[in-house]
Protein backbone atom coordinates (compact mmCIF):
# COMPACT_ATOMS: atom_id res chain seq x y z
CA MET A 1 -53.32 -33.04 49.15
CA LEU A 2 -52.40 -30.30 51.56
CA TYR A 3 -53.84 -29.97 55.05
CA ALA A 4 -54.70 -26.28 54.73
CA SER A 5 -56.41 -23.62 56.79
CA LYS A 6 -59.74 -22.17 55.64
CA GLN A 7 -58.01 -18.85 55.11
CA LEU A 8 -55.51 -20.40 52.69
CA GLN A 9 -58.15 -22.46 50.90
CA ASP A 10 -59.97 -19.24 49.95
CA THR A 11 -56.96 -17.81 48.08
CA ASN A 12 -56.44 -17.86 44.30
CA LEU A 13 -53.01 -19.46 44.73
CA PHE A 14 -54.45 -22.43 46.61
CA GLN A 15 -57.14 -22.82 43.96
CA GLU A 16 -54.41 -22.90 41.32
CA TYR A 17 -52.70 -25.64 43.34
CA GLN A 18 -55.89 -27.74 43.27
CA GLN A 19 -56.34 -27.10 39.57
CA LEU A 20 -52.77 -28.24 38.87
CA ILE A 21 -53.38 -31.52 40.73
CA ASN A 22 -56.40 -32.15 38.53
CA LYS A 23 -54.58 -31.05 35.39
CA TYR A 24 -51.60 -33.37 35.96
CA TYR A 25 -53.88 -36.32 36.72
CA HIS A 26 -55.77 -35.85 33.47
CA THR A 27 -52.54 -35.32 31.50
CA SER A 28 -51.47 -38.82 32.54
CA LEU A 29 -54.82 -40.31 31.53
CA GLN A 30 -54.82 -38.47 28.19
CA LYS A 31 -51.28 -39.59 27.31
CA GLU A 32 -52.21 -43.21 27.95
CA TYR A 33 -55.38 -42.82 25.86
CA ASP A 34 -53.50 -41.18 22.95
CA GLN A 35 -50.86 -43.89 22.97
CA ASN A 36 -53.44 -46.66 22.84
CA GLN A 37 -55.34 -44.89 20.06
CA PHE A 38 -52.14 -44.90 18.01
CA LEU A 39 -51.33 -48.53 18.84
CA GLN A 40 -54.82 -49.67 17.82
CA LYS A 41 -54.10 -48.44 14.29
CA MET A 42 -50.84 -50.37 14.04
CA ASP A 43 -49.96 -54.02 13.49
CA LEU A 44 -46.55 -55.52 14.27
CA ILE A 45 -45.57 -58.25 11.83
CA ASN A 46 -42.93 -60.83 12.79
CA THR A 47 -40.55 -60.95 9.81
CA ASN A 48 -39.64 -64.59 10.53
CA THR A 49 -43.06 -66.15 11.19
CA GLY A 50 -45.46 -63.66 9.62
CA GLU A 51 -47.36 -63.55 12.92
CA ILE A 52 -49.29 -60.32 13.54
CA ALA A 53 -49.13 -58.85 17.03
CA LYS A 54 -51.14 -56.08 18.69
CA ILE A 55 -49.83 -53.92 21.53
CA PHE A 56 -51.79 -52.33 24.34
CA HIS A 57 -50.16 -49.83 26.68
CA SER A 58 -51.03 -50.19 30.36
CA PHE A 59 -49.79 -47.38 32.59
CA GLU A 60 -49.89 -49.58 35.70
CA LYS A 61 -47.87 -52.38 34.07
CA TYR A 62 -45.38 -49.91 32.61
CA TYR A 63 -44.98 -48.17 35.95
CA THR A 64 -44.36 -51.49 37.72
CA LYS A 65 -41.66 -52.49 35.21
CA TYR A 66 -40.13 -49.01 35.31
CA THR A 67 -39.94 -48.87 39.09
CA LYS A 68 -38.65 -52.42 39.58
CA SER A 69 -35.89 -52.09 36.98
CA ASN A 70 -34.81 -48.72 38.42
CA GLU A 71 -34.73 -50.28 41.86
CA GLN A 72 -32.55 -53.11 40.54
CA LYS A 73 -30.12 -50.72 38.88
CA ILE A 74 -29.80 -48.45 41.93
CA TYR A 75 -29.01 -51.37 44.22
CA ALA A 76 -26.52 -52.65 41.62
CA ILE A 77 -24.75 -49.27 41.64
CA GLU A 78 -24.63 -49.41 45.41
CA ALA A 79 -23.23 -52.97 45.39
CA LEU A 80 -20.64 -52.03 42.77
CA ALA A 81 -19.55 -49.03 44.86
CA LYS A 82 -19.41 -51.14 48.00
CA SER A 83 -17.20 -53.70 46.26
CA LYS A 84 -14.71 -50.90 45.55
CA GLY A 85 -14.78 -49.63 49.14
CA TYR A 86 -16.39 -46.32 48.20
CA LYS A 87 -18.10 -43.96 50.63
CA ALA A 88 -21.60 -42.60 50.10
CA VAL A 89 -22.13 -38.83 50.09
CA PHE A 90 -25.77 -37.74 50.33
CA ILE A 91 -26.78 -34.21 49.27
CA THR A 92 -30.20 -32.56 49.31
CA LEU A 93 -30.88 -29.27 47.56
CA THR A 94 -34.04 -27.37 48.52
CA LEU A 95 -35.17 -24.29 46.64
CA PRO A 96 -34.99 -20.91 48.40
CA THR A 97 -38.11 -19.50 50.07
CA ILE A 98 -39.02 -17.35 47.05
CA PHE A 99 -40.05 -20.54 45.21
CA HIS A 100 -42.45 -21.75 47.92
CA PRO A 101 -46.07 -20.49 47.69
CA PHE A 102 -47.34 -21.34 51.17
CA LYS A 103 -46.41 -20.97 54.82
CA SER A 104 -46.81 -23.91 57.17
CA ILE A 105 -46.56 -24.86 60.84
CA ALA A 106 -46.45 -28.08 62.83
CA TYR A 107 -49.96 -28.80 64.11
CA LYS A 108 -51.28 -31.96 65.79
CA ASN A 109 -48.50 -34.15 64.37
CA GLN A 110 -49.17 -32.81 60.88
CA ARG A 111 -47.96 -30.00 58.67
CA LEU A 112 -50.68 -27.32 58.48
CA TYR A 113 -50.44 -24.85 55.61
CA THR A 114 -51.72 -21.57 56.97
CA ASN A 115 -51.28 -18.75 54.48
CA ILE A 116 -49.52 -17.46 51.37
CA ASN A 117 -45.78 -16.93 51.65
CA GLU A 118 -45.18 -13.19 51.20
CA ALA A 119 -41.72 -13.93 49.77
CA PHE A 120 -43.16 -16.02 46.91
CA SER A 121 -41.79 -14.34 43.77
CA PHE A 122 -43.62 -15.96 40.86
CA ASP A 123 -46.86 -15.21 39.05
CA SER A 124 -48.06 -18.78 39.51
CA ILE A 125 -47.15 -22.09 41.14
CA GLU A 126 -46.59 -23.57 37.69
CA ASP A 127 -43.98 -20.89 36.91
CA SER A 128 -42.26 -21.66 40.20
CA ILE A 129 -42.19 -25.38 39.38
CA LYS A 130 -40.64 -24.86 35.93
CA HIS A 131 -38.08 -22.27 37.05
CA GLY A 132 -37.29 -24.25 40.20
CA TYR A 133 -36.63 -27.45 38.27
CA HIS A 134 -34.24 -25.70 35.87
CA PHE A 135 -32.51 -23.90 38.76
CA LEU A 136 -31.96 -27.17 40.66
CA ASN A 137 -30.55 -28.87 37.57
CA HIS A 138 -28.28 -25.90 36.86
CA ILE A 139 -26.88 -26.10 40.39
CA TYR A 140 -26.44 -29.87 40.09
CA ARG A 141 -24.72 -29.72 36.68
CA THR A 142 -22.36 -27.05 37.99
CA LEU A 143 -21.52 -29.18 41.03
CA TYR A 144 -21.12 -32.40 39.01
CA LYS A 145 -18.77 -30.83 36.43
CA ARG A 146 -16.56 -29.40 39.16
CA ILE A 147 -16.43 -32.70 41.02
CA LYS A 148 -15.57 -34.66 37.86
CA THR A 149 -12.53 -32.49 37.18
CA GLU A 150 -10.91 -34.04 40.26
CA VAL A 151 -12.87 -37.23 40.95
CA LYS A 152 -12.78 -39.40 37.84
CA ASN A 153 -14.17 -42.54 39.44
CA LEU A 154 -17.59 -42.13 40.98
CA TYR A 155 -21.17 -43.35 40.75
CA TYR A 156 -24.28 -41.32 41.40
CA VAL A 157 -28.06 -41.54 41.73
CA LYS A 158 -30.07 -38.31 41.38
CA VAL A 159 -33.77 -37.91 42.10
CA ILE A 160 -36.13 -34.97 41.73
CA GLU A 161 -38.67 -35.23 44.54
CA THR A 162 -41.98 -33.37 44.48
CA HIS A 163 -43.10 -31.73 47.69
CA LYS A 164 -46.79 -31.81 48.62
CA THR A 165 -46.97 -28.22 47.38
CA LEU A 166 -45.67 -29.47 43.98
CA ILE A 167 -42.39 -27.55 44.34
CA PRO A 168 -39.42 -29.81 43.45
CA HIS A 169 -36.26 -30.47 45.40
CA LEU A 170 -33.26 -32.60 44.55
CA HIS A 171 -31.52 -35.54 46.23
CA VAL A 172 -28.27 -37.03 44.99
CA VAL A 173 -26.06 -39.80 46.33
CA PHE A 174 -22.45 -39.81 45.16
CA PHE A 175 -20.41 -42.99 45.73
CA VAL A 176 -16.73 -42.00 45.78
CA PRO A 177 -13.35 -43.27 47.01
CA THR A 178 -12.86 -42.40 50.67
CA SER A 179 -9.85 -40.23 49.80
CA LYS A 180 -12.06 -38.02 47.61
CA LYS A 181 -14.70 -37.25 50.22
CA LYS A 182 -13.05 -33.96 51.16
CA ILE A 183 -13.15 -32.78 47.54
CA ILE A 184 -16.91 -33.35 47.39
CA PHE A 185 -17.39 -31.31 50.56
CA GLU A 186 -15.20 -28.46 49.30
CA LYS A 187 -16.98 -28.27 45.95
CA PHE A 188 -20.38 -28.41 47.59
CA SER A 189 -19.49 -25.70 50.13
CA LYS A 190 -18.54 -23.36 47.28
CA ILE A 191 -21.81 -24.12 45.51
CA VAL A 192 -23.79 -23.26 48.65
CA THR A 193 -22.04 -19.89 48.86
CA GLU A 194 -22.16 -19.16 45.14
CA PHE A 195 -25.90 -19.85 44.77
CA GLU A 196 -26.78 -18.46 48.22
CA LEU A 197 -28.52 -21.65 49.28
CA ASP A 198 -30.15 -21.43 52.68
CA GLN A 199 -31.69 -24.93 52.75
CA TYR A 200 -29.55 -27.97 52.02
CA ASP A 201 -28.21 -31.15 53.58
CA TYR A 202 -24.85 -32.91 53.34
CA SER A 203 -23.97 -36.24 54.98
CA THR A 204 -21.44 -39.04 54.61
CA GLN A 205 -21.20 -42.56 55.95
CA GLN A 206 -19.80 -45.95 55.02
CA ILE A 207 -22.09 -47.83 52.67
CA GLU A 208 -24.35 -50.30 54.42
CA SER A 209 -26.84 -52.74 52.96
CA LEU A 210 -29.98 -50.84 51.99
CA GLU A 211 -32.39 -53.43 50.68
CA ASN A 212 -33.52 -54.97 53.96
CA GLU A 213 -33.35 -51.98 56.29
CA PRO A 214 -36.56 -50.61 57.87
CA SER A 215 -37.70 -47.41 56.20
CA THR A 216 -38.39 -45.54 59.45
CA THR A 217 -34.79 -44.33 59.81
CA ILE A 218 -33.72 -43.86 56.22
CA LYS A 219 -34.00 -40.08 56.27
CA THR A 220 -31.21 -39.71 58.79
CA LYS A 221 -28.73 -42.37 57.73
CA ILE A 222 -26.72 -42.02 54.56
CA GLY A 223 -26.07 -45.77 54.56
CA ARG A 224 -29.73 -46.06 53.58
CA ALA A 225 -29.68 -43.10 51.18
CA SER A 226 -30.59 -45.13 48.12
CA LYS A 227 -33.62 -46.52 49.87
CA TYR A 228 -34.66 -43.02 50.85
CA LEU A 229 -34.58 -42.03 47.19
CA LEU A 230 -36.42 -45.17 46.18
CA LYS A 231 -39.09 -44.52 48.78
CA TYR A 232 -40.21 -41.59 46.65
CA VAL A 233 -39.63 -42.92 43.13
CA LEU A 234 -40.43 -46.58 43.55
CA LYS A 235 -43.77 -46.58 45.33
CA SER A 236 -45.69 -49.79 44.86
CA LEU A 237 -48.91 -49.50 42.95
CA ASN A 238 -52.03 -49.86 45.02
CA ALA A 239 -55.47 -48.31 45.25
CA GLU A 240 -54.32 -45.83 47.90
CA ASN A 241 -51.62 -44.07 45.89
CA ILE A 242 -52.50 -44.67 42.23
CA PHE A 243 -54.11 -41.21 42.02
CA TRP A 244 -50.93 -39.51 43.25
CA ILE A 245 -48.78 -41.66 40.96
CA ARG A 246 -50.91 -40.45 38.04
CA VAL A 247 -50.48 -36.86 39.25
CA LEU A 248 -46.69 -37.31 39.36
CA ASP A 249 -46.71 -38.83 35.86
CA GLY A 250 -48.60 -35.82 34.48
CA TYR A 251 -46.40 -33.46 36.51
CA LYS A 252 -43.28 -35.01 34.97
CA ARG A 253 -44.71 -34.86 31.43
CA ASP A 254 -46.09 -31.32 31.55
CA ASN A 255 -42.88 -29.94 33.05
CA ARG A 256 -40.55 -32.14 30.95
CA MET A 257 -38.75 -33.52 33.96
CA ARG A 258 -36.38 -36.43 34.35
CA ILE A 259 -37.30 -37.72 37.78
CA ILE A 260 -34.45 -40.18 38.22
CA THR A 261 -30.97 -40.18 36.67
CA SER A 262 -28.04 -42.43 37.49
CA SER A 263 -24.58 -43.46 36.31
CA ASN A 264 -24.34 -45.39 33.07
CA LEU A 265 -23.34 -49.02 33.54
CA PRO A 266 -22.10 -51.51 30.92
CA LEU A 267 -25.47 -53.27 31.24
CA SER A 268 -28.11 -50.75 30.23
CA MET A 269 -31.62 -50.58 31.67
CA ALA A 270 -33.11 -51.48 28.28
CA ASP A 271 -30.88 -54.55 27.94
CA TYR A 272 -31.61 -55.67 31.49
CA ARG A 273 -35.35 -55.37 30.89
CA ALA A 274 -35.05 -57.35 27.65
CA ILE A 275 -33.17 -60.11 29.47
CA TYR A 276 -35.32 -60.20 32.59
CA HIS A 277 -38.71 -60.19 30.88
CA ASN A 278 -37.70 -62.95 28.47
CA LEU A 279 -36.40 -65.44 31.05
CA ASP A 280 -38.77 -68.35 31.67
CA SER A 281 -40.04 -68.67 35.24
CA GLU A 282 -37.83 -71.66 36.10
CA LEU A 283 -34.62 -69.99 34.96
CA LYS A 284 -35.61 -66.69 36.55
CA ASP A 285 -36.19 -68.39 39.91
CA LYS A 286 -32.85 -70.17 39.63
CA LEU A 287 -30.96 -66.94 38.98
CA LEU A 288 -32.82 -65.10 41.74
CA LYS A 289 -31.84 -67.83 44.21
CA GLU A 290 -28.24 -67.60 43.03
CA ALA A 291 -28.26 -63.84 43.55
CA LYS A 292 -29.85 -64.18 46.99
CA LYS A 293 -27.21 -66.73 48.00
CA GLU A 294 -24.50 -64.19 47.14
CA GLY A 295 -26.37 -61.42 48.97
CA ILE A 296 -26.83 -59.31 45.83
CA ASN A 297 -29.67 -58.51 43.43
CA LEU A 298 -30.22 -59.97 39.97
CA PHE A 299 -29.06 -56.89 38.06
CA TYR A 300 -25.68 -56.96 39.81
CA LEU A 301 -25.38 -60.74 39.41
CA ILE A 302 -25.75 -60.38 35.65
CA LEU A 303 -23.60 -57.24 35.48
CA LYS A 304 -20.57 -58.77 37.18
CA ASN A 305 -20.75 -61.99 35.13
CA ILE A 306 -21.56 -60.68 31.66
CA ALA A 307 -19.65 -60.03 28.46
CA ILE A 308 -21.22 -57.63 25.96
CA VAL A 309 -20.53 -57.07 22.29
CA SER A 310 -22.40 -54.15 20.75
CA THR A 311 -22.18 -53.23 17.07
CA THR A 312 -23.65 -50.00 15.68
CA LYS A 313 -24.46 -49.76 11.98
CA GLU A 314 -25.55 -46.92 9.74
CA GLN A 315 -26.66 -47.58 6.15
CA GLY A 316 -25.26 -51.09 6.37
CA GLN A 317 -21.78 -49.99 7.49
CA ILE A 318 -20.29 -50.68 10.93
CA ILE A 319 -19.51 -47.35 12.55
CA LYS A 320 -18.80 -48.48 16.10
CA GLN A 321 -18.11 -51.68 18.00
CA LYS A 322 -17.79 -51.97 21.77
CA LYS A 323 -16.72 -54.97 23.83
CA TYR A 324 -17.09 -55.41 27.59
CA GLN A 325 -15.22 -58.34 29.19
CA GLN A 326 -14.03 -61.49 27.43
CA LEU A 327 -16.72 -63.71 25.92
CA LEU A 328 -15.23 -67.07 26.88
CA LYS A 329 -14.71 -66.16 30.54
CA GLN A 330 -18.22 -64.99 31.43
CA LYS A 331 -21.34 -66.94 32.36
CA PHE A 332 -23.63 -64.48 30.56
CA VAL A 333 -23.06 -63.11 27.05
CA LEU A 334 -25.09 -60.41 25.31
CA ILE A 335 -24.60 -59.71 21.60
CA LYS A 336 -26.55 -56.91 20.00
CA GLN A 337 -26.71 -54.83 16.86
CA VAL A 338 -27.89 -51.24 16.91
CA ILE A 339 -29.06 -49.30 13.86
CA ARG A 340 -28.38 -45.56 13.71
CA ARG A 341 -30.54 -43.38 11.47
CA ARG A 342 -30.23 -39.72 10.55
CA ARG A 343 -33.35 -37.59 10.34
CA ASN A 344 -32.36 -34.08 9.34
CA GLU A 345 -29.81 -33.19 12.03
CA LEU A 346 -31.16 -35.66 14.59
CA LEU A 347 -29.88 -39.18 15.27
CA SER A 348 -32.07 -42.07 16.35
CA TYR A 349 -31.01 -45.53 17.54
CA SER A 350 -32.89 -48.82 17.60
CA VAL A 351 -31.86 -52.34 18.58
CA ASN A 352 -32.09 -54.52 15.49
CA LYS A 353 -30.68 -57.78 16.88
CA LEU A 354 -30.20 -58.99 20.45
CA THR A 355 -29.14 -62.44 21.60
CA PHE A 356 -28.58 -63.51 25.22
CA PHE A 357 -26.57 -66.60 26.20
CA ILE A 358 -26.10 -68.40 29.51
CA ASN A 359 -23.18 -70.84 29.60
CA ARG A 360 -23.00 -70.59 25.78
CA GLN A 361 -26.62 -71.63 25.29
CA ILE A 362 -29.04 -69.22 23.60
CA ILE A 363 -31.68 -68.16 26.11
CA TYR A 364 -33.32 -65.35 24.19
CA LYS A 365 -33.14 -64.04 20.63
CA LYS A 366 -35.03 -60.89 19.74
CA ASP A 367 -37.62 -61.26 17.01
CA ASN A 368 -37.72 -58.64 14.28
CA TYR A 369 -40.98 -56.86 13.58
CA ILE A 370 -42.09 -54.35 10.99
CA ARG A 371 -44.86 -51.84 11.64
CA ARG A 372 -47.95 -51.64 9.47
CA LEU A 373 -50.59 -48.95 9.85
CA GLN A 374 -54.07 -50.22 9.18
CA GLU A 375 -55.08 -47.22 7.05
CA VAL A 376 -51.86 -47.02 5.05
CA MET A 377 -49.75 -50.01 4.04
CA LEU A 378 -46.04 -49.33 4.62
């Protein structure tokens, strides 16, 4: 919540701000409730054993899995970039003053919000949030497309951060070959001029290890840029911040935001989660120790030692097959089958089969389930 003057607290705009906090919090609660109401009406039947399973959605457990797997992937991207000798380029885009509803000053080691910003150009804070998010993404997409025309090999991590006033801003870390750093700067400089940006940040530095650095200096050192991003997205769940995490969840849902986006890797987030959460504790500990010994995380350990075969089928016919690395040369092997379905003009994909091997031994094989609604037999 904002530390606000009495004068500001008496304004309609500040009251809207408080109402939005409450609205987003209850959106998160309602979505969890609706999902569990649906799941209560559905049985999952194992097609091999006939076993019936029930599912319960827990926001806290989901959030923990979501944050930890994102953290793993981001550090894997960083390690992959470091192995190639890439340089990190850290960019922050802040919306112009017309998007910001309140004025503030430094006061007693805090930020005191004093009054309404006369330059605020929207009918409501919610309008500013929605327009601001789309404006930031438009700027980013324009920048990314222009960079990619000349820099084919790069990795990125992009985060939408929510200010205390609920107005978004954008952070992105590009990992690029050192020789391409100048191109990034040139493209970004043109973007600043073209969109008349008056608040932004641009920094570069050699990639350092981020995982074990103290968080007190991450805002000023690009070598810790990933951890700066993670500090916002990957907050640990505890009684002190669960309310705000709920608010952010509702904020994301109501405004249809993607909070974190990153480069695609051969090992997807969904596949990594399937592998990680189906390792027994003994094997998981063994792999974690192996990763620690190499000074890397588990995601990157699996990524650099895995072969993947993915087959996509539609109506029983193979329409696509992708292979990553040679099966016989890798410690880890993932074989999966994806089913593509057409619904009107939309395509949907689901993993039908997934088998994970370590040293040619099956470690995990996905069970197949069919859904059955309790009211209507399917």
